Amino acid sequence: MLVSNSNPKRRDPLTLAISRNGLVYTQLFYLVGGRHVDYPHIIEHDGHLLIAFSGAKQTMEVLNVSLDDLDDLTMPSRQ
């Protein structure tokens, strides 16, 4: 798993990429968007992903994502 700002021109959105084999990332999930997101980090603990990031260097936030819920996450289509 890789948490990152997947847009090379902006720090928006924050996404989670998943690889089943450790080599090829086949799924990309939208986590947070519509604002500046910095310094993402991720750890797995007790069946959850704890995803920490800074909001425009002003706030520190943590998302708690159940590993069981990963199939429900989606990447919105481009507008």
PDB file of N, CA and C in Angstrom:
ATOM      1  N   MET A   1       0.831  -1.174   0.000  1.00  0.00           N
ATOM      2  CA  MET A   1       0.000   0.000   0.000  1.00  0.00           C
ATOM      3  C   MET A   1       0.879   1.241   0.000  1.00  0.00           C
ATOM      4  N   LEU A   2       0.389   2.265  -0.676  1.00  0.00           N
ATOM      5  CA  LEU A   2       1.117   3.519  -0.793  1.00  0.00           C
ATOM      6  C   LEU A   2       0.120   4.655  -0.662  1.00  0.00           C
ATOM      7  N   VAL A   3       0.351   5.536   0.288  1.00  0.00           N
ATOM      8  CA  VAL A   3      -0.481   6.730   0.422  1.00  0.00           C
ATOM      9  C   VAL A   3       0.333   7.898  -0.128  1.00  0.00           C
ATOM     10  N   SER A   4      -0.307   8.709  -0.995  1.00  0.00           N
ATOM     11  CA  SER A   4       0.440   9.785  -1.638  1.00  0.00           C
ATOM     12  C   SER A   4      -0.492  10.836  -2.216  1.00  0.00           C
ATOM     13  N   ASN A   5       0.122  11.939  -2.625  1.00  0.00           N
ATOM     14  CA  ASN A   5      -0.561  12.943  -3.436  1.00  0.00           C
ATOM     15  C   ASN A   5      -0.307  12.513  -4.875  1.00  0.00           C
ATOM     16  N   SER A   6      -1.261  11.873  -5.484  1.00  0.00           N
ATOM     17  CA  SER A   6      -1.017  11.239  -6.777  1.00  0.00           C
ATOM     18  C   SER A   6      -1.052  12.196  -7.970  1.00  0.00           C
ATOM     19  N   ASN A   7      -1.467  13.433  -7.755  1.00  0.00           N
ATOM     20  CA  ASN A   7      -1.446  14.437  -8.807  1.00  0.00           C
ATOM     21  C   ASN A   7      -0.072  15.098  -8.799  1.00  0.00           C
ATOM     22  N   PRO A   8       0.716  14.975  -9.872  1.00  0.00           N
ATOM     23  CA  PRO A   8       2.077  15.532  -9.852  1.00  0.00           C
ATOM     24  C   PRO A   8       2.133  17.063  -9.848  1.00  0.00           C
ATOM     25  N   LYS A   9       1.019  17.735 -10.095  1.00  0.00           N
ATOM     26  CA  LYS A   9       1.022  19.194 -10.157  1.00  0.00           C
ATOM     27  C   LYS A   9       0.458  19.872  -8.909  1.00  0.00           C
ATOM     28  N   ARG A  10      -0.192  19.094  -8.035  1.00  0.00           N
ATOM     29  CA  ARG A  10      -0.809  19.665  -6.834  1.00  0.00           C
ATOM     30  C   ARG A  10      -0.729  18.672  -5.680  1.00  0.00           C
ATOM     31  N   ARG A  11      -0.890  19.155  -4.495  1.00  0.00           N
ATOM     32  CA  ARG A  11      -0.955  18.266  -3.331  1.00  0.00           C
ATOM     33  C   ARG A  11      -2.416  17.982  -3.002  1.00  0.00           C
ATOM     34  N   ASP A  12      -3.144  17.568  -4.000  1.00  0.00           N
ATOM     35  CA  ASP A  12      -4.568  17.281  -3.909  1.00  0.00           C
ATOM     36  C   ASP A  12      -4.920  16.398  -5.093  1.00  0.00           C
ATOM     37  N   PRO A  13      -5.541  15.266  -4.933  1.00  0.00           N
ATOM     38  CA  PRO A  13      -6.068  14.671  -3.711  1.00  0.00           C
ATOM     39  C   PRO A  13      -5.044  13.758  -3.033  1.00  0.00           C
ATOM     40  N   LEU A  14      -5.397  13.304  -1.850  1.00  0.00           N
ATOM     41  CA  LEU A  14      -4.642  12.267  -1.153  1.00  0.00           C
ATOM     42  C   LEU A  14      -5.262  10.938  -1.561  1.00  0.00           C
ATOM     43  N   THR A  15      -4.432  10.006  -2.019  1.00  0.00           N
ATOM     44  CA  THR A  15      -4.940   8.719  -2.497  1.00  0.00           C
ATOM     45  C   THR A  15      -4.197   7.562  -1.845  1.00  0.00           C
ATOM     46  N   LEU A  16      -4.825   6.406  -1.922  1.00  0.00           N
ATOM     47  CA  LEU A  16      -4.248   5.164  -1.421  1.00  0.00           C
ATOM     48  C   LEU A  16      -4.151   4.199  -2.594  1.00  0.00           C
ATOM     49  N   ALA A  17      -2.944   3.752  -2.916  1.00  0.00           N
ATOM     50  CA  ALA A  17      -2.729   2.784  -3.991  1.00  0.00           C
ATOM     51  C   ALA A  17      -2.461   1.417  -3.375  1.00  0.00           C
ATOM     52  N   ILE A  18      -3.028   0.381  -3.997  1.00  0.00           N
ATOM     53  CA  ILE A  18      -2.893  -0.973  -3.460  1.00  0.00           C
ATOM     54  C   ILE A  18      -2.275  -1.891  -4.502  1.00  0.00           C
ATOM     55  N   SER A  19      -1.314  -2.676  -4.048  1.00  0.00           N
ATOM     56  CA  SER A  19      -0.670  -3.686  -4.875  1.00  0.00           C
ATOM     57  C   SER A  19      -0.882  -5.035  -4.213  1.00  0.00           C
ATOM     58  N   ARG A  20      -1.368  -5.996  -4.957  1.00  0.00           N
ATOM     59  CA  ARG A  20      -1.575  -7.347  -4.414  1.00  0.00           C
ATOM     60  C   ARG A  20      -0.273  -8.153  -4.421  1.00  0.00           C
ATOM     61  N   ASN A  21       0.658  -7.802  -5.331  1.00  0.00           N
ATOM     62  CA  ASN A  21       1.896  -8.584  -5.446  1.00  0.00           C
ATOM     63  C   ASN A  21       3.140  -7.814  -4.986  1.00  0.00           C
ATOM     64  N   GLY A  22       2.986  -6.573  -4.568  1.00  0.00           N
ATOM     65  CA  GLY A  22       4.117  -5.776  -4.120  1.00  0.00           C
ATOM     66  C   GLY A  22       4.903  -5.109  -5.236  1.00  0.00           C
ATOM     67  N   LEU A  23       4.493  -5.331  -6.484  1.00  0.00           N
ATOM     68  CA  LEU A  23       5.200  -4.760  -7.628  1.00  0.00           C
ATOM     69  C   LEU A  23       4.335  -3.833  -8.474  1.00  0.00           C
ATOM     70  N   VAL A  24       3.096  -4.239  -8.717  1.00  0.00           N
ATOM     71  CA  VAL A  24       2.197  -3.485  -9.585  1.00  0.00           C
ATOM     72  C   VAL A  24       1.006  -3.000  -8.769  1.00  0.00           C
ATOM     73  N   TYR A  25       0.764  -1.690  -8.807  1.00  0.00           N
ATOM     74  CA  TYR A  25      -0.387  -1.112  -8.109  1.00  0.00           C
ATOM     75  C   TYR A  25      -1.581  -1.138  -9.052  1.00  0.00           C
ATOM     76  N   THR A  26      -2.639  -1.825  -8.640  1.00  0.00           N
ATOM     77  CA  THR A  26      -3.791  -2.030  -9.514  1.00  0.00           C
ATOM     78  C   THR A  26      -5.039  -1.289  -9.074  1.00  0.00           C
ATOM     79  N   GLN A  27      -5.040  -0.733  -7.885  1.00  0.00           N
ATOM     80  CA  GLN A  27      -6.207   0.002  -7.393  1.00  0.00           C
ATOM     81  C   GLN A  27      -5.754   1.331  -6.809  1.00  0.00           C
ATOM     82  N   LEU A  28      -6.543   2.370  -7.062  1.00  0.00           N
ATOM     83  CA  LEU A  28      -6.257   3.700  -6.538  1.00  0.00           C
ATOM     84  C   LEU A  28      -7.532   4.233  -5.905  1.00  0.00           C
ATOM     85  N   PHE A  29      -7.462   4.570  -4.620  1.00  0.00           N
ATOM     86  CA  PHE A  29      -8.628   5.021  -3.882  1.00  0.00           C
ATOM     87  C   PHE A  29      -8.472   6.472  -3.441  1.00  0.00           C
ATOM     88  N   TYR A  30      -9.529   7.217  -3.553  1.00  0.00           N
ATOM     89  CA  TYR A  30      -9.602   8.609  -3.113  1.00  0.00           C
ATOM     90  C   TYR A  30      -9.805   8.642  -1.606  1.00  0.00           C
ATOM     91  N   LEU A  31      -8.992   9.417  -0.892  1.00  0.00           N
ATOM     92  CA  LEU A  31      -9.137   9.550   0.559  1.00  0.00           C
ATOM     93  C   LEU A  31      -9.623  10.938   0.958  1.00  0.00           C
ATOM     94  N   VAL A  32      -8.911  11.978   0.539  1.00  0.00           N
ATOM     95  CA  VAL A  32      -9.229  13.363   0.899  1.00  0.00           C
ATOM     96  C   VAL A  32      -8.913  14.243  -0.300  1.00  0.00           C
ATOM     97  N   GLY A  33      -9.742  15.245  -0.553  1.00  0.00           N
ATOM     98  CA  GLY A  33      -9.471  16.131  -1.667  1.00  0.00           C
ATOM     99  C   GLY A  33     -10.139  17.483  -1.501  1.00  0.00           C
ATOM    100  N   GLY A  34      -9.900  18.311  -2.490  1.00  0.00           N
ATOM    101  CA  GLY A  34     -10.480  19.645  -2.472  1.00  0.00           C
ATOM    102  C   GLY A  34      -9.715  20.628  -1.612  1.00  0.00           C
ATOM    103  N   ARG A  35      -8.517  20.231  -1.200  1.00  0.00           N
ATOM    104  CA  ARG A  35      -7.678  21.104  -0.358  1.00  0.00           C
ATOM    105  C   ARG A  35      -6.236  20.627  -0.405  1.00  0.00           C
ATOM    106  N   HIS A  36      -5.359  21.442   0.098  1.00  0.00           N
ATOM    107  CA  HIS A  36      -3.922  21.147   0.123  1.00  0.00           C
ATOM    108  C   HIS A  36      -3.641  20.115   1.216  1.00  0.00           C
ATOM    109  N   VAL A  37      -2.989  19.002   0.851  1.00  0.00           N
ATOM    110  CA  VAL A  37      -2.677  17.921   1.791  1.00  0.00           C
ATOM    111  C   VAL A  37      -1.174  17.653   1.732  1.00  0.00           C
ATOM    112  N   ASP A  38      -0.516  17.636   2.899  1.00  0.00           N
ATOM    113  CA  ASP A  38       0.936  17.451   2.989  1.00  0.00           C
ATOM    114  C   ASP A  38       1.306  16.231   3.822  1.00  0.00           C
ATOM    115  N   TYR A  39       2.515  15.734   3.595  1.00  0.00           N
ATOM    116  CA  TYR A  39       3.234  14.795   4.461  1.00  0.00           C
ATOM    117  C   TYR A  39       2.431  13.564   4.884  1.00  0.00           C
ATOM    118  N   PRO A  40       1.895  12.814   3.937  1.00  0.00           N
ATOM    119  CA  PRO A  40       1.113  11.628   4.321  1.00  0.00           C
ATOM    120  C   PRO A  40       1.997  10.482   4.828  1.00  0.00           C
ATOM    121  N   HIS A  41       1.470   9.767   5.811  1.00  0.00           N
ATOM    122  CA  HIS A  41       2.117   8.572   6.365  1.00  0.00           C
ATOM    123  C   HIS A  41       1.041   7.550   6.661  1.00  0.00           C
ATOM    124  N   ILE A  42       1.429   6.267   6.666  1.00  0.00           N
ATOM    125  CA  ILE A  42       0.450   5.208   6.891  1.00  0.00           C
ATOM    126  C   ILE A  42       1.065   4.105   7.750  1.00  0.00           C
ATOM    127  N   ILE A  43       0.244   3.561   8.661  1.00  0.00           N
ATOM    128  CA  ILE A  43       0.616   2.356   9.402  1.00  0.00           C
ATOM    129  C   ILE A  43      -0.615   1.461   9.469  1.00  0.00           C
ATOM    130  N   GLU A  44      -0.393   0.166   9.628  1.00  0.00           N
ATOM    131  CA  GLU A  44      -1.479  -0.790   9.810  1.00  0.00           C
ATOM    132  C   GLU A  44      -1.452  -1.249  11.261  1.00  0.00           C
ATOM    133  N   HIS A  45      -2.622  -1.244  11.912  1.00  0.00           N
ATOM    134  CA  HIS A  45      -2.708  -1.649  13.318  1.00  0.00           C
ATOM    135  C   HIS A  45      -4.088  -2.238  13.590  1.00  0.00           C
ATOM    136  N   ASP A  46      -4.127  -3.447  14.118  1.00  0.00           N
ATOM    137  CA  ASP A  46      -5.380  -4.111  14.507  1.00  0.00           C
ATOM    138  C   ASP A  46      -6.429  -4.112  13.402  1.00  0.00           C
ATOM    139  N   GLY A  47      -6.034  -4.435  12.185  1.00  0.00           N
ATOM    140  CA  GLY A  47      -6.994  -4.533  11.089  1.00  0.00           C
ATOM    141  C   GLY A  47      -7.435  -3.206  10.507  1.00  0.00           C
ATOM    142  N   HIS A  48      -6.726  -2.143  10.847  1.00  0.00           N
ATOM    143  CA  HIS A  48      -7.052  -0.811  10.328  1.00  0.00           C
ATOM    144  C   HIS A  48      -5.802  -0.147   9.761  1.00  0.00           C
ATOM    145  N   LEU A  49      -6.019   0.746   8.807  1.00  0.00           N
ATOM    146  CA  LEU A  49      -4.960   1.628   8.331  1.00  0.00           C
ATOM    147  C   LEU A  49      -5.141   2.959   9.038  1.00  0.00           C
ATOM    148  N   LEU A  50      -4.086   3.451   9.639  1.00  0.00           N
ATOM    149  CA  LEU A  50      -4.090   4.783  10.234  1.00  0.00           C
ATOM    150  C   LEU A  50      -3.285   5.668   9.297  1.00  0.00           C
ATOM    151  N   ILE A  51      -3.965   6.614   8.656  1.00  0.00           N
ATOM    152  CA  ILE A  51      -3.358   7.461   7.637  1.00  0.00           C
ATOM    153  C   ILE A  51      -3.286   8.880   8.185  1.00  0.00           C
ATOM    154  N   ALA A  52      -2.082   9.342   8.470  1.00  0.00           N
ATOM    155  CA  ALA A  52      -1.877  10.676   9.045  1.00  0.00           C
ATOM    156  C   ALA A  52      -1.385  11.620   7.953  1.00  0.00           C
ATOM    157  N   PHE A  53      -1.812  12.876   8.046  1.00  0.00           N
ATOM    158  CA  PHE A  53      -1.377  13.884   7.077  1.00  0.00           C
ATOM    159  C   PHE A  53      -1.592  15.269   7.667  1.00  0.00           C
ATOM    160  N   SER A  54      -0.951  16.237   7.069  1.00  0.00           N
ATOM    161  CA  SER A  54      -1.103  17.630   7.459  1.00  0.00           C
ATOM    162  C   SER A  54      -2.036  18.316   6.466  1.00  0.00           C
ATOM    163  N   GLY A  55      -2.896  19.165   6.969  1.00  0.00           N
ATOM    164  CA  GLY A  55      -3.765  19.972   6.119  1.00  0.00           C
ATOM    165  C   GLY A  55      -3.146  21.342   5.943  1.00  0.00           C
ATOM    166  N   ALA A  56      -2.473  21.556   4.814  1.00  0.00           N
ATOM    167  CA  ALA A  56      -1.836  22.839   4.484  1.00  0.00           C
ATOM    168  C   ALA A  56      -0.882  23.318   5.579  1.00  0.00           C
ATOM    169  N   LYS A  57      -0.216  22.384   6.225  1.00  0.00           N
ATOM    170  CA  LYS A  57       0.741  22.689   7.302  1.00  0.00           C
ATOM    171  C   LYS A  57       0.088  23.443   8.473  1.00  0.00           C
ATOM    172  N   GLN A  58      -1.237  23.346   8.588  1.00  0.00           N
ATOM    173  CA  GLN A  58      -1.962  24.029   9.662  1.00  0.00           C
ATOM    174  C   GLN A  58      -2.579  23.052  10.656  1.00  0.00           C
ATOM    175  N   THR A  59      -2.955  21.873  10.189  1.00  0.00           N
ATOM    176  CA  THR A  59      -3.606  20.884  11.043  1.00  0.00           C
ATOM    177  C   THR A  59      -2.930  19.535  10.867  1.00  0.00           C
ATOM    178  N   MET A  60      -3.126  18.664  11.821  1.00  0.00           N
ATOM    179  CA  MET A  60      -2.676  17.278  11.728  1.00  0.00           C
ATOM    180  C   MET A  60      -3.930  16.428  11.823  1.00  0.00           C
ATOM    181  N   GLU A  61      -4.114  15.531  10.846  1.00  0.00           N
ATOM    182  CA  GLU A  61      -5.328  14.734  10.796  1.00  0.00           C
ATOM    183  C   GLU A  61      -4.977  13.269  10.633  1.00  0.00           C
ATOM    184  N   VAL A  62      -5.875  12.392  11.093  1.00  0.00           N
ATOM    185  CA  VAL A  62      -5.683  10.953  10.964  1.00  0.00           C
ATOM    186  C   VAL A  62      -6.988  10.330  10.468  1.00  0.00           C
ATOM    187  N   LEU A  63      -6.877   9.543   9.400  1.00  0.00           N
ATOM    188  CA  LEU A  63      -8.001   8.755   8.908  1.00  0.00           C
ATOM    189  C   LEU A  63      -7.846   7.340   9.429  1.00  0.00           C
ATOM    190  N   ASN A  64      -8.942   6.727   9.830  1.00  0.00           N
ATOM    191  CA  ASN A  64      -8.941   5.352  10.309  1.00  0.00           C
ATOM    192  C   ASN A  64      -9.766   4.542   9.310  1.00  0.00           C
ATOM    193  N   VAL A  65      -9.103   3.683   8.530  1.00  0.00           N
ATOM    194  CA  VAL A  65      -9.769   2.912   7.483  1.00  0.00           C
ATOM    195  C   VAL A  65      -9.667   1.434   7.825  1.00  0.00           C
ATOM    196  N   SER A  66     -10.805   0.774   7.948  1.00  0.00           N
ATOM    197  CA  SER A  66     -10.808  -0.659   8.195  1.00  0.00           C
ATOM    198  C   SER A  66     -10.326  -1.388   6.955  1.00  0.00           C
ATOM    199  N   LEU A  67      -9.461  -2.386   7.138  1.00  0.00           N
ATOM    200  CA  LEU A  67      -9.005  -3.179   6.000  1.00  0.00           C
ATOM    201  C   LEU A  67     -10.184  -3.877   5.325  1.00  0.00           C
ATOM    202  N   ASP A  68     -11.227  -4.197   6.084  1.00  0.00           N
ATOM    203  CA  ASP A  68     -12.418  -4.829   5.520  1.00  0.00           C
ATOM    204  C   ASP A  68     -13.198  -3.882   4.615  1.00  0.00           C
ATOM    205  N   ASP A  69     -13.015  -2.564   4.775  1.00  0.00           N
ATOM    206  CA  ASP A  69     -13.765  -1.577   3.991  1.00  0.00           C
ATOM    207  C   ASP A  69     -13.043  -1.127   2.721  1.00  0.00           C
ATOM    208  N   LEU A  70     -11.856  -1.641   2.454  1.00  0.00           N
ATOM    209  CA  LEU A  70     -11.093  -1.176   1.289  1.00  0.00           C
ATOM    210  C   LEU A  70     -11.838  -1.382  -0.023  1.00  0.00           C
ATOM    211  N   ASP A  71     -12.632  -2.433  -0.121  1.00  0.00           N
ATOM    212  CA  ASP A  71     -13.367  -2.679  -1.363  1.00  0.00           C
ATOM    213  C   ASP A  71     -14.453  -1.634  -1.607  1.00  0.00           C
ATOM    214  N   ASP A  72     -14.861  -0.903  -0.577  1.00  0.00           N
ATOM    215  CA  ASP A  72     -15.905   0.112  -0.725  1.00  0.00           C
ATOM    216  C   ASP A  72     -15.367   1.480  -1.116  1.00  0.00           C
ATOM    217  N   LEU A  73     -14.055   1.704  -1.027  1.00  0.00           N
ATOM    218  CA  LEU A  73     -13.474   2.994  -1.386  1.00  0.00           C
ATOM    219  C   LEU A  73     -13.453   3.142  -2.900  1.00  0.00           C
ATOM    220  N   THR A  74     -13.622   4.372  -3.387  1.00  0.00           N
ATOM    221  CA  THR A  74     -13.628   4.601  -4.836  1.00  0.00           C
ATOM    222  C   THR A  74     -12.825   5.847  -5.191  1.00  0.00           C
ATOM    223  N   MET A  75     -12.391   5.893  -6.429  1.00  0.00           N
ATOM    224  CA  MET A  75     -11.743   7.075  -6.993  1.00  0.00           C
ATOM    225  C   MET A  75     -12.774   7.736  -7.881  1.00  0.00           C
ATOM    226  N   PRO A  76     -13.150   8.994  -7.571  1.00  0.00           N
ATOM    227  CA  PRO A  76     -14.180   9.640  -8.389  1.00  0.00           C
ATOM    228  C   PRO A  76     -13.689   9.852  -9.817  1.00  0.00           C
ATOM    229  N   SER A  77     -14.629   9.835 -10.742  1.00  0.00           N
ATOM    230  CA  SER A  77     -14.271  10.075 -12.144  1.00  0.00           C
ATOM    231  C   SER A  77     -13.916  11.533 -12.347  1.00  0.00           C
ATOM    232  N   ARG A  78     -13.104  11.793 -13.376  1.00  0.00           N
ATOM    233  CA  ARG A  78     -12.709  13.165 -13.689  1.00  0.00           C
ATOM    234  C   ARG A  78     -13.900  13.938 -14.202  1.00  0.00           C
ATOM    235  N   GLN A  79     -13.923  15.198 -13.890  1.00  0.00           N
ATOM    236  CA  GLN A  79     -15.007  16.079 -14.341  1.00  0.00           C
ATOM    237  C   GLN A  79     -14.607  16.803 -15.581  1.00  0.00           C
TER     238      GLN A  79
END
